[in-house]
PDB file of N, CA and C in Angstrom:
ATOM      1  N   MET A   1      -2.766   7.648  13.588  1.00  0.00           N
ATOM      2  CA  MET A   1      -3.802   8.597  13.915  1.00  0.00           C
ATOM      3  C   MET A   1      -3.178   9.769  14.665  1.00  0.00           C
ATOM      4  N   PRO A   2      -3.556  10.962  14.308  1.00  0.00           N
ATOM      5  CA  PRO A   2      -3.020  12.128  15.005  1.00  0.00           C
ATOM      6  C   PRO A   2      -3.709  12.342  16.343  1.00  0.00           C
ATOM      7  N   VAL A   3      -3.004  13.037  17.224  1.00  0.00           N
ATOM      8  CA  VAL A   3      -3.607  13.474  18.476  1.00  0.00           C
ATOM      9  C   VAL A   3      -4.292  14.798  18.180  1.00  0.00           C
ATOM     10  N   ILE A   4      -5.537  14.932  18.589  1.00  0.00           N
ATOM     11  CA  ILE A   4      -6.315  16.128  18.283  1.00  0.00           C
ATOM     12  C   ILE A   4      -6.590  16.879  19.591  1.00  0.00           C
ATOM     13  N   TYR A   5      -6.359  18.164  19.548  1.00  0.00           N
ATOM     14  CA  TYR A   5      -6.623  19.010  20.704  1.00  0.00           C
ATOM     15  C   TYR A   5      -7.806  19.925  20.391  1.00  0.00           C
ATOM     16  N   GLU A   6      -8.654  20.105  21.375  1.00  0.00           N
ATOM     17  CA  GLU A   6      -9.781  21.016  21.232  1.00  0.00           C
ATOM     18  C   GLU A   6      -9.639  22.076  22.317  1.00  0.00           C
ATOM     19  N   GLY A   7      -9.359  23.299  21.900  1.00  0.00           N
ATOM     20  CA  GLY A   7      -9.210  24.387  22.846  1.00  0.00           C
ATOM     21  C   GLY A   7     -10.499  25.170  22.976  1.00  0.00           C
ATOM     22  N   ARG A   8     -10.652  25.841  24.087  1.00  0.00           N
ATOM     23  CA  ARG A   8     -11.849  26.636  24.320  1.00  0.00           C
ATOM     24  C   ARG A   8     -11.437  28.054  24.666  1.00  0.00           C
ATOM     25  N   THR A   9     -12.171  29.001  24.177  1.00  0.00           N
ATOM     26  CA  THR A   9     -11.848  30.407  24.429  1.00  0.00           C
ATOM     27  C   THR A   9     -12.515  30.961  25.673  1.00  0.00           C
ATOM     28  N   ASP A  10     -13.350  30.153  26.316  1.00  0.00           N
ATOM     29  CA  ASP A  10     -14.057  30.637  27.508  1.00  0.00           C
ATOM     30  C   ASP A  10     -13.269  30.400  28.797  1.00  0.00           C
ATOM     31  N   GLY A  11     -12.036  29.895  28.690  1.00  0.00           N
ATOM     32  CA  GLY A  11     -11.207  29.668  29.875  1.00  0.00           C
ATOM     33  C   GLY A  11     -11.358  28.290  30.489  1.00  0.00           C
ATOM     34  N   SER A  12     -12.299  27.487  30.001  1.00  0.00           N
ATOM     35  CA  SER A  12     -12.452  26.136  30.544  1.00  0.00           C
ATOM     36  C   SER A  12     -11.355  25.229  29.976  1.00  0.00           C
ATOM     37  N   ASN A  13     -11.225  24.075  30.560  1.00  0.00           N
ATOM     38  CA  ASN A  13     -10.178  23.144  30.158  1.00  0.00           C
ATOM     39  C   ASN A  13     -10.358  22.680  28.718  1.00  0.00           C
ATOM     40  N   GLY A  14      -9.245  22.512  28.033  1.00  0.00           N
ATOM     41  CA  GLY A  14      -9.271  21.951  26.693  1.00  0.00           C
ATOM     42  C   GLY A  14      -9.410  20.442  26.750  1.00  0.00           C
ATOM     43  N   VAL A  15      -9.603  19.839  25.589  1.00  0.00           N
ATOM     44  CA  VAL A  15      -9.780  18.395  25.505  1.00  0.00           C
ATOM     45  C   VAL A  15      -8.717  17.838  24.573  1.00  0.00           C
ATOM     46  N   ARG A  16      -8.116  16.734  24.949  1.00  0.00           N
ATOM     47  CA  ARG A  16      -7.122  16.051  24.119  1.00  0.00           C
ATOM     48  C   ARG A  16      -7.694  14.700  23.725  1.00  0.00           C
ATOM     49  N   TYR A  17      -7.815  14.468  22.419  1.00  0.00           N
ATOM     50  CA  TYR A  17      -8.328  13.200  21.907  1.00  0.00           C
ATOM     51  C   TYR A  17      -7.147  12.360  21.435  1.00  0.00           C
ATOM     52  N   VAL A  18      -7.059  11.133  21.928  1.00  0.00           N
ATOM     53  CA  VAL A  18      -5.979  10.231  21.552  1.00  0.00           C
ATOM     54  C   VAL A  18      -6.596   8.974  20.964  1.00  0.00           C
ATOM     55  N   HIS A  19      -6.051   8.537  19.834  1.00  0.00           N
ATOM     56  CA  HIS A  19      -6.550   7.334  19.177  1.00  0.00           C
ATOM     57  C   HIS A  19      -6.196   6.096  20.003  1.00  0.00           C
ATOM     58  N   ILE A  20      -7.155   5.234  20.211  1.00  0.00           N
ATOM     59  CA  ILE A  20      -6.942   3.963  20.893  1.00  0.00           C
ATOM     60  C   ILE A  20      -7.160   2.860  19.861  1.00  0.00           C
ATOM     61  N   SER A  21      -6.152   2.032  19.675  1.00  0.00           N
ATOM     62  CA  SER A  21      -6.256   0.959  18.695  1.00  0.00           C
ATOM     63  C   SER A  21      -7.125  -0.179  19.231  1.00  0.00           C
ATOM     64  N   LEU A  22      -8.048  -0.643  18.404  1.00  0.00           N
ATOM     65  CA  LEU A  22      -8.884  -1.775  18.787  1.00  0.00           C
ATOM     66  C   LEU A  22      -8.241  -3.111  18.406  1.00  0.00           C
ATOM     67  N   VAL A  23      -7.190  -3.063  17.612  1.00  0.00           N
ATOM     68  CA  VAL A  23      -6.564  -4.299  17.137  1.00  0.00           C
ATOM     69  C   VAL A  23      -6.106  -5.148  18.312  1.00  0.00           C
ATOM     70  N   ARG A  24      -5.399  -4.559  19.254  1.00  0.00           N
ATOM     71  CA  ARG A  24      -4.890  -5.309  20.396  1.00  0.00           C
ATOM     72  C   ARG A  24      -6.030  -5.888  21.240  1.00  0.00           C
ATOM     73  N   PHE A  25      -7.071  -5.093  21.471  1.00  0.00           N
ATOM     74  CA  PHE A  25      -8.223  -5.568  22.237  1.00  0.00           C
ATOM     75  C   PHE A  25      -8.852  -6.782  21.545  1.00  0.00           C
ATOM     76  N   TYR A  26      -9.072  -6.681  20.228  1.00  0.00           N
ATOM     77  CA  TYR A  26      -9.673  -7.781  19.481  1.00  0.00           C
ATOM     78  C   TYR A  26      -8.787  -9.030  19.520  1.00  0.00           C
ATOM     79  N   LEU A  27      -7.465  -8.844  19.392  1.00  0.00           N
ATOM     80  CA  LEU A  27      -6.553  -9.988  19.440  1.00  0.00           C
ATOM     81  C   LEU A  27      -6.585 -10.659  20.811  1.00  0.00           C
ATOM     82  N   ASP A  28      -6.604  -9.859  21.864  1.00  0.00           N
ATOM     83  CA  ASP A  28      -6.674 -10.427  23.215  1.00  0.00           C
ATOM     84  C   ASP A  28      -7.955 -11.225  23.421  1.00  0.00           C
ATOM     85  N   GLN A  29      -9.080 -10.697  22.943  1.00  0.00           N
ATOM     86  CA  GLN A  29     -10.356 -11.401  23.073  1.00  0.00           C
ATOM     87  C   GLN A  29     -10.356 -12.693  22.255  1.00  0.00           C
ATOM     88  N   ALA A  30      -9.788 -12.636  21.057  1.00  0.00           N
ATOM     89  CA  ALA A  30      -9.708 -13.842  20.219  1.00  0.00           C
ATOM     90  C   ALA A  30      -8.864 -14.907  20.913  1.00  0.00           C
ATOM     91  N   HIS A  31      -7.754 -14.500  21.490  1.00  0.00           N
ATOM     92  CA  HIS A  31      -6.866 -15.441  22.174  1.00  0.00           C
ATOM     93  C   HIS A  31      -7.543 -16.071  23.391  1.00  0.00           C
ATOM     94  N   GLU A  32      -8.187 -15.241  24.214  1.00  0.00           N
ATOM     95  CA  GLU A  32      -8.869 -15.756  25.406  1.00  0.00           C
ATOM     96  C   GLU A  32      -9.975 -16.748  25.037  1.00  0.00           C
ATOM     97  N   ASN A  33     -10.753 -16.425  24.018  1.00  0.00           N
ATOM     98  CA  ASN A  33     -11.840 -17.322  23.613  1.00  0.00           C
ATOM     99  C   ASN A  33     -11.318 -18.590  22.961  1.00  0.00           C
ATOM    100  N   ALA A  34     -10.218 -18.482  22.218  1.00  0.00           N
ATOM    101  CA  ALA A  34      -9.626 -19.677  21.604  1.00  0.00           C
ATOM    102  C   ALA A  34      -9.090 -20.622  22.678  1.00  0.00           C
ATOM    103  N   LEU A  35      -8.439 -20.068  23.693  1.00  0.00           N
ATOM    104  CA  LEU A  35      -7.940 -20.906  24.791  1.00  0.00           C
ATOM    105  C   LEU A  35      -9.092 -21.563  25.538  1.00  0.00           C
ATOM    106  N   SER A  36     -10.138 -20.806  25.785  1.00  0.00           N
ATOM    107  CA  SER A  36     -11.317 -21.349  26.470  1.00  0.00           C
ATOM    108  C   SER A  36     -11.951 -22.465  25.647  1.00  0.00           C
ATOM    109  N   ALA A  37     -12.063 -22.259  24.345  1.00  0.00           N
ATOM    110  CA  ALA A  37     -12.652 -23.276  23.477  1.00  0.00           C
ATOM    111  C   ALA A  37     -11.794 -24.537  23.452  1.00  0.00           C
ATOM    112  N   LYS A  38     -10.485 -24.363  23.484  1.00  0.00           N
ATOM    113  CA  LYS A  38      -9.575 -25.517  23.483  1.00  0.00           C
ATOM    114  C   LYS A  38      -9.714 -26.328  24.777  1.00  0.00           C
ATOM    115  N   LEU A  39      -9.804 -25.629  25.894  1.00  0.00           N
ATOM    116  CA  LEU A  39      -9.912 -26.318  27.184  1.00  0.00           C
ATOM    117  C   LEU A  39     -11.262 -27.015  27.372  1.00  0.00           C
ATOM    118  N   GLU A  40     -12.327 -26.427  26.819  1.00  0.00           N
ATOM    119  CA  GLU A  40     -13.677 -26.961  27.008  1.00  0.00           C
ATOM    120  C   GLU A  40     -14.148 -27.818  25.840  1.00  0.00           C
ATOM    121  N   HIS A  41     -13.238 -28.183  24.947  1.00  0.00           N
ATOM    122  CA  HIS A  41     -13.603 -28.904  23.725  1.00  0.00           C
ATOM    123  C   HIS A  41     -14.337 -30.210  24.014  1.00  0.00           C
ATOM    124  N   GLN A  42     -15.414 -30.429  23.246  1.00  0.00           N
ATOM    125  CA  GLN A  42     -16.148 -31.689  23.279  1.00  0.00           C
ATOM    126  C   GLN A  42     -16.439 -32.066  21.832  1.00  0.00           C
ATOM    127  N   ASP A  43     -16.125 -33.299  21.458  1.00  0.00           N
ATOM    128  CA  ASP A  43     -16.345 -33.739  20.073  1.00  0.00           C
ATOM    129  C   ASP A  43     -17.809 -33.587  19.676  1.00  0.00           C
ATOM    130  N   GLY A  44     -18.035 -33.032  18.506  1.00  0.00           N
ATOM    131  CA  GLY A  44     -19.376 -32.910  17.961  1.00  0.00           C
ATOM    132  C   GLY A  44     -20.183 -31.733  18.481  1.00  0.00           C
ATOM    133  N   ILE A  45     -19.594 -30.932  19.371  1.00  0.00           N
ATOM    134  CA  ILE A  45     -20.313 -29.792  19.934  1.00  0.00           C
ATOM    135  C   ILE A  45     -19.546 -28.523  19.583  1.00  0.00           C
ATOM    136  N   VAL A  46     -20.250 -27.577  18.992  1.00  0.00           N
ATOM    137  CA  VAL A  46     -19.645 -26.285  18.683  1.00  0.00           C
ATOM    138  C   VAL A  46     -19.886 -25.361  19.872  1.00  0.00           C
ATOM    139  N   LEU A  47     -18.807 -24.902  20.461  1.00  0.00           N
ATOM    140  CA  LEU A  47     -18.908 -24.017  21.618  1.00  0.00           C
ATOM    141  C   LEU A  47     -18.983 -22.565  21.171  1.00  0.00           C
ATOM    142  N   SER A  48     -19.716 -21.781  21.909  1.00  0.00           N
ATOM    143  CA  SER A  48     -19.829 -20.355  21.564  1.00  0.00           C
ATOM    144  C   SER A  48     -18.479 -19.667  21.634  1.00  0.00           C
ATOM    145  N   THR A  49     -17.587 -20.151  22.509  1.00  0.00           N
ATOM    146  CA  THR A  49     -16.263 -19.527  22.602  1.00  0.00           C
ATOM    147  C   THR A  49     -15.463 -19.720  21.311  1.00  0.00           C
ATOM    148  N   SER A  50     -15.706 -20.806  20.602  1.00  0.00           N
ATOM    149  CA  SER A  50     -15.035 -21.022  19.315  1.00  0.00           C
ATOM    150  C   SER A  50     -15.485 -19.968  18.307  1.00  0.00           C
ATOM    151  N   ILE A  51     -16.769 -19.751  18.241  1.00  0.00           N
ATOM    152  CA  ILE A  51     -17.328 -18.787  17.285  1.00  0.00           C
ATOM    153  C   ILE A  51     -16.882 -17.368  17.644  1.00  0.00           C
ATOM    154  N   VAL A  52     -16.920 -17.040  18.928  1.00  0.00           N
ATOM    155  CA  VAL A  52     -16.500 -15.707  19.360  1.00  0.00           C
ATOM    156  C   VAL A  52     -15.022 -15.488  19.060  1.00  0.00           C
ATOM    157  N   GLY A  53     -14.202 -16.510  19.268  1.00  0.00           N
ATOM    158  CA  GLY A  53     -12.778 -16.409  18.956  1.00  0.00           C
ATOM    159  C   GLY A  53     -12.527 -16.154  17.479  1.00  0.00           C
ATOM    160  N   ILE A  54     -13.261 -16.848  16.638  1.00  0.00           N
ATOM    161  CA  ILE A  54     -13.132 -16.656  15.188  1.00  0.00           C
ATOM    162  C   ILE A  54     -13.579 -15.256  14.792  1.00  0.00           C
ATOM    163  N   LEU A  55     -14.697 -14.793  15.354  1.00  0.00           N
ATOM    164  CA  LEU A  55     -15.192 -13.448  15.039  1.00  0.00           C
ATOM    165  C   LEU A  55     -14.202 -12.367  15.461  1.00  0.00           C
ATOM    166  N   PHE A  56     -13.647 -12.483  16.656  1.00  0.00           N
ATOM    167  CA  PHE A  56     -12.678 -11.487  17.095  1.00  0.00           C
ATOM    168  C   PHE A  56     -11.397 -11.548  16.263  1.00  0.00           C
ATOM    169  N   SER A  57     -11.012 -12.715  15.784  1.00  0.00           N
ATOM    170  CA  SER A  57      -9.850 -12.814  14.899  1.00  0.00           C
ATOM    171  C   SER A  57     -10.088 -12.052  13.605  1.00  0.00           C
ATOM    172  N   ALA A  58     -11.257 -12.249  13.018  1.00  0.00           N
ATOM    173  CA  ALA A  58     -11.601 -11.534  11.785  1.00  0.00           C
ATOM    174  C   ALA A  58     -11.699 -10.035  12.027  1.00  0.00           C
ATOM    175  N   MET A  59     -12.277  -9.657  13.170  1.00  0.00           N
ATOM    176  CA  MET A  59     -12.392  -8.236  13.489  1.00  0.00           C
ATOM    177  C   MET A  59     -11.027  -7.588  13.674  1.00  0.00           C
ATOM    178  N   SER A  60     -10.067  -8.334  14.227  1.00  0.00           N
ATOM    179  CA  SER A  60      -8.732  -7.768  14.423  1.00  0.00           C
ATOM    180  C   SER A  60      -8.045  -7.515  13.083  1.00  0.00           C
ATOM    181  N   ILE A  61      -8.242  -8.407  12.115  1.00  0.00           N
ATOM    182  CA  ILE A  61      -7.658  -8.199  10.788  1.00  0.00           C
ATOM    183  C   ILE A  61      -8.278  -6.972  10.133  1.00  0.00           C
ATOM    184  N   GLU A  62      -9.587  -6.861  10.203  1.00  0.00           N
ATOM    185  CA  GLU A  62     -10.249  -5.712   9.583  1.00  0.00           C
ATOM    186  C   GLU A  62      -9.878  -4.404  10.272  1.00  0.00           C
ATOM    187  N   ALA A  63      -9.777  -4.409  11.596  1.00  0.00           N
ATOM    188  CA  ALA A  63      -9.372  -3.203  12.320  1.00  0.00           C
ATOM    189  C   ALA A  63      -7.945  -2.812  11.945  1.00  0.00           C
ATOM    190  N   PHE A  64      -7.066  -3.790  11.800  1.00  0.00           N
ATOM    191  CA  PHE A  64      -5.689  -3.521  11.382  1.00  0.00           C
ATOM    192  C   PHE A  64      -5.658  -2.860  10.010  1.00  0.00           C
ATOM    193  N   VAL A  65      -6.416  -3.416   9.077  1.00  0.00           N
ATOM    194  CA  VAL A  65      -6.462  -2.869   7.716  1.00  0.00           C
ATOM    195  C   VAL A  65      -6.974  -1.432   7.740  1.00  0.00           C
ATOM    196  N   ASN A  66      -8.030  -1.175   8.496  1.00  0.00           N
ATOM    197  CA  ASN A  66      -8.600   0.166   8.553  1.00  0.00           C
ATOM    198  C   ASN A  66      -7.648   1.178   9.191  1.00  0.00           C
ATOM    199  N   GLU A  67      -6.896   0.755  10.202  1.00  0.00           N
ATOM    200  CA  GLU A  67      -5.965   1.664  10.858  1.00  0.00           C
ATOM    201  C   GLU A  67      -4.729   1.928   9.999  1.00  0.00           C
ATOM    202  N   ILE A  68      -4.173   0.903   9.408  1.00  0.00           N
ATOM    203  CA  ILE A  68      -2.924   1.046   8.666  1.00  0.00           C
ATOM    204  C   ILE A  68      -3.122   1.763   7.333  1.00  0.00           C
ATOM    205  N   CYS A  69      -4.318   1.688   6.758  1.00  0.00           N
ATOM    206  CA  CYS A  69      -4.540   2.327   5.456  1.00  0.00           C
ATOM    207  C   CYS A  69      -4.368   3.832   5.532  1.00  0.00           C
ATOM    208  N   GLU A  70      -4.638   4.419   6.693  1.00  0.00           N
ATOM    209  CA  GLU A  70      -4.498   5.865   6.832  1.00  0.00           C
ATOM    210  C   GLU A  70      -3.043   6.309   6.750  1.00  0.00           C
ATOM    211  N   ASP A  71      -2.113   5.394   7.058  1.00  0.00           N
ATOM    212  CA  ASP A  71      -0.690   5.713   6.978  1.00  0.00           C
ATOM    213  C   ASP A  71      -0.092   5.376   5.615  1.00  0.00           C
ATOM    214  N   ILE A  72      -0.747   4.514   4.844  1.00  0.00           N
ATOM    215  CA  ILE A  72      -0.178   4.042   3.578  1.00  0.00           C
ATOM    216  C   ILE A  72      -0.862   4.672   2.370  1.00  0.00           C
ATOM    217  N   ILE A  73      -2.178   4.737   2.400  1.00  0.00           N
ATOM    218  CA  ILE A  73      -2.946   5.251   1.260  1.00  0.00           C
ATOM    219  C   ILE A  73      -3.050   6.773   1.358  1.00  0.00           C
ATOM    220  N   HIS A  74      -2.877   7.439   0.230  1.00  0.00           N
ATOM    221  CA  HIS A  74      -2.981   8.904   0.196  1.00  0.00           C
ATOM    222  C   HIS A  74      -4.395   9.319   0.604  1.00  0.00           C
ATOM    223  N   ALA A  75      -4.506  10.448   1.304  1.00  0.00           N
ATOM    224  CA  ALA A  75      -5.776  10.900   1.897  1.00  0.00           C
ATOM    225  C   ALA A  75      -6.913  11.012   0.884  1.00  0.00           C
ATOM    226  N   ASP A  76      -6.608  11.463  -0.339  1.00  0.00           N
ATOM    227  CA  ASP A  76      -7.691  11.626  -1.317  1.00  0.00           C
ATOM    228  C   ASP A  76      -8.090  10.312  -1.988  1.00  0.00           C
ATOM    229  N   GLU A  77      -7.377   9.210  -1.680  1.00  0.00           N
ATOM    230  CA  GLU A  77      -7.713   7.904  -2.249  1.00  0.00           C
ATOM    231  C   GLU A  77      -8.286   6.929  -1.220  1.00  0.00           C
ATOM    232  N   ILE A  78      -8.367   7.339   0.040  1.00  0.00           N
ATOM    233  CA  ILE A  78      -8.836   6.424   1.095  1.00  0.00           C
ATOM    234  C   ILE A  78     -10.259   5.952   0.824  1.00  0.00           C
ATOM    235  N   ASN A  79     -11.131   6.830   0.369  1.00  0.00           N
ATOM    236  CA  ASN A  79     -12.516   6.442   0.089  1.00  0.00           C
ATOM    237  C   ASN A  79     -12.571   5.377  -1.011  1.00  0.00           C
ATOM    238  N   ASP A  80     -11.731   5.532  -2.054  1.00  0.00           N
ATOM    239  CA  ASP A  80     -11.665   4.517  -3.112  1.00  0.00           C
ATOM    240  C   ASP A  80     -11.143   3.201  -2.556  1.00  0.00           C
ATOM    241  N   PHE A  81     -10.168   3.272  -1.663  1.00  0.00           N
ATOM    242  CA  PHE A  81      -9.611   2.058  -1.049  1.00  0.00           C
ATOM    243  C   PHE A  81     -10.664   1.358  -0.193  1.00  0.00           C
ATOM    244  N   ILE A  82     -11.359   2.098   0.641  1.00  0.00           N
ATOM    245  CA  ILE A  82     -12.358   1.504   1.540  1.00  0.00           C
ATOM    246  C   ILE A  82     -13.454   0.798   0.755  1.00  0.00           C
ATOM    247  N   HIS A  83     -13.856   1.386  -0.380  1.00  0.00           N
ATOM    248  CA  HIS A  83     -14.924   0.802  -1.197  1.00  0.00           C
ATOM    249  C   HIS A  83     -14.379  -0.046  -2.351  1.00  0.00           C
ATOM    250  N   LEU A  84     -13.055  -0.228  -2.382  1.00  0.00           N
ATOM    251  CA  LEU A  84     -12.382  -1.046  -3.410  1.00  0.00           C
ATOM    252  C   LEU A  84     -12.789  -0.623  -4.824  1.00  0.00           C
ATOM    253  N   ARG A  85     -12.618   0.645  -5.106  1.00  0.00           N
ATOM    254  CA  ARG A  85     -12.927   1.189  -6.426  1.00  0.00           C
ATOM    255  C   ARG A  85     -11.639   1.615  -7.120  1.00  0.00           C
ATOM    256  N   LYS A  86     -11.787   1.922  -8.405  1.00  0.00           N
ATOM    257  CA  LYS A  86     -10.705   2.418  -9.263  1.00  0.00           C
ATOM    258  C   LYS A  86      -9.511   1.471  -9.205  1.00  0.00           C
ATOM    259  N   LYS A  87      -8.343   1.951  -8.804  1.00  0.00           N
ATOM    260  CA  LYS A  87      -7.146   1.108  -8.846  1.00  0.00           C
ATOM    261  C   LYS A  87      -7.076   0.109  -7.691  1.00  0.00           C
ATOM    262  N   TYR A  88      -8.024   0.147  -6.785  1.00  0.00           N
ATOM    263  CA  TYR A  88      -8.039  -0.752  -5.631  1.00  0.00           C
ATOM    264  C   TYR A  88      -9.062  -1.875  -5.764  1.00  0.00           C
ATOM    265  N   LYS A  89      -9.357  -2.282  -6.975  1.00  0.00           N
ATOM    266  CA  LYS A  89     -10.368  -3.327  -7.179  1.00  0.00           C
ATOM    267  C   LYS A  89      -9.867  -4.679  -6.689  1.00  0.00           C
ATOM    268  N   LYS A  90     -10.830  -5.496  -6.234  1.00  0.00           N
ATOM    269  CA  LYS A  90     -10.461  -6.834  -5.780  1.00  0.00           C
ATOM    270  C   LYS A  90     -10.436  -7.801  -6.950  1.00  0.00           C
ATOM    271  N   ILE A  91      -9.658  -8.843  -6.772  1.00  0.00           N
ATOM    272  CA  ILE A  91      -9.546  -9.900  -7.775  1.00  0.00           C
ATOM    273  C   ILE A  91     -10.785 -10.778  -7.684  1.00  0.00           C
ATOM    274  N   ASN A  92     -11.194 -11.351  -8.794  1.00  0.00           N
ATOM    275  CA  ASN A  92     -12.387 -12.190  -8.845  1.00  0.00           C
ATOM    276  C   ASN A  92     -12.317 -13.300  -7.789  1.00  0.00           C
ATOM    277  N   GLY A  93     -13.327 -13.386  -6.943  1.00  0.00           N
ATOM    278  CA  GLY A  93     -13.409 -14.412  -5.910  1.00  0.00           C
ATOM    279  C   GLY A  93     -12.691 -14.053  -4.619  1.00  0.00           C
ATOM    280  N   GLU A  94     -12.103 -12.879  -4.551  1.00  0.00           N
ATOM    281  CA  GLU A  94     -11.355 -12.446  -3.371  1.00  0.00           C
ATOM    282  C   GLU A  94     -12.284 -11.702  -2.408  1.00  0.00           C
ATOM    283  N   SER A  95     -12.085 -11.906  -1.120  1.00  0.00           N
ATOM    284  CA  SER A  95     -12.899 -11.180  -0.133  1.00  0.00           C
ATOM    285  C   SER A  95     -12.422  -9.738  -0.039  1.00  0.00           C
ATOM    286  N   SER A  96     -13.265  -8.890   0.501  1.00  0.00           N
ATOM    287  CA  SER A  96     -12.914  -7.474   0.638  1.00  0.00           C
ATOM    288  C   SER A  96     -11.710  -7.286   1.560  1.00  0.00           C
ATOM    289  N   VAL A  97     -11.724  -7.956   2.695  1.00  0.00           N
ATOM    290  CA  VAL A  97     -10.614  -7.824   3.634  1.00  0.00           C
ATOM    291  C   VAL A  97      -9.348  -8.424   3.029  1.00  0.00           C
ATOM    292  N   GLY A  98      -9.484  -9.547   2.355  1.00  0.00           N
ATOM    293  CA  GLY A  98      -8.339 -10.152   1.683  1.00  0.00           C
ATOM    294  C   GLY A  98      -7.721  -9.225   0.652  1.00  0.00           C
ATOM    295  N   ALA A  99      -8.571  -8.548  -0.108  1.00  0.00           N
ATOM    296  CA  ALA A  99      -8.082  -7.604  -1.125  1.00  0.00           C
ATOM    297  C   ALA A  99      -7.358  -6.441  -0.461  1.00  0.00           C
ATOM    298  N   LYS A 100      -7.896  -5.931   0.619  1.00  0.00           N
ATOM    299  CA  LYS A 100      -7.266  -4.802   1.311  1.00  0.00           C
ATOM    300  C   LYS A 100      -5.916  -5.202   1.914  1.00  0.00           C
ATOM    301  N   VAL A 101      -5.842  -6.394   2.473  1.00  0.00           N
ATOM    302  CA  VAL A 101      -4.566  -6.876   3.007  1.00  0.00           C
ATOM    303  C   VAL A 101      -3.553  -7.019   1.883  1.00  0.00           C
ATOM    304  N   ARG A 102      -3.964  -7.603   0.762  1.00  0.00           N
ATOM    305  CA  ARG A 102      -3.071  -7.759  -0.404  1.00  0.00           C
ATOM    306  C   ARG A 102      -2.552  -6.416  -0.880  1.00  0.00           C
ATOM    307  N   ILE A 103      -3.449  -5.447  -0.996  1.00  0.00           N
ATOM    308  CA  ILE A 103      -3.065  -4.112  -1.483  1.00  0.00           C
ATOM    309  C   ILE A 103      -2.100  -3.445  -0.517  1.00  0.00           C
ATOM    310  N   LEU A 104      -2.388  -3.509   0.774  1.00  0.00           N
ATOM    311  CA  LEU A 104      -1.538  -2.824   1.764  1.00  0.00           C
ATOM    312  C   LEU A 104      -0.168  -3.474   1.895  1.00  0.00           C
ATOM    313  N   LEU A 105      -0.102  -4.778   1.757  1.00  0.00           N
ATOM    314  CA  LEU A 105       1.180  -5.467   1.892  1.00  0.00           C
ATOM    315  C   LEU A 105       2.010  -5.452   0.616  1.00  0.00           C
ATOM    316  N   ALA A 106       1.398  -5.010  -0.495  1.00  0.00           N
ATOM    317  CA  ALA A 106       2.123  -5.013  -1.767  1.00  0.00           C
ATOM    318  C   ALA A 106       3.177  -3.971  -1.799  1.00  0.00           C
TER     319      ALA A 106
END
C-alpha cells in the first residue's frame, strides 16, 4: 500500500495516510483466543474463545489475500480477482478464499 499525502493550500497542516495491516492484529487475536481455549478446555463444551480464535484465523487469511493481491495482480484485473471472474475462476467445490490463495501462490 502506498503512503498518501494530502496537502492543503490554506496553510494548515497536511495529512499523511499510512496503511496499517490488519493481518498481524488478526493473527495475534487468533493466537490469544486459541491459547485461552486450550487452557480452559472442558470435554463436551464449546468455548466462545475457540470460535473467536477460528474466526480470527480465517479473517487473517482473507486480510492477507486482500493485501497481497494489490502487489501481485495488475491494477486493471483486481476487480476480476476479487470477484473471481474471467481468468481467476475458482475450481469446482473450492472456497473463494482458497481459490484466491491458490491463485496468488501460483
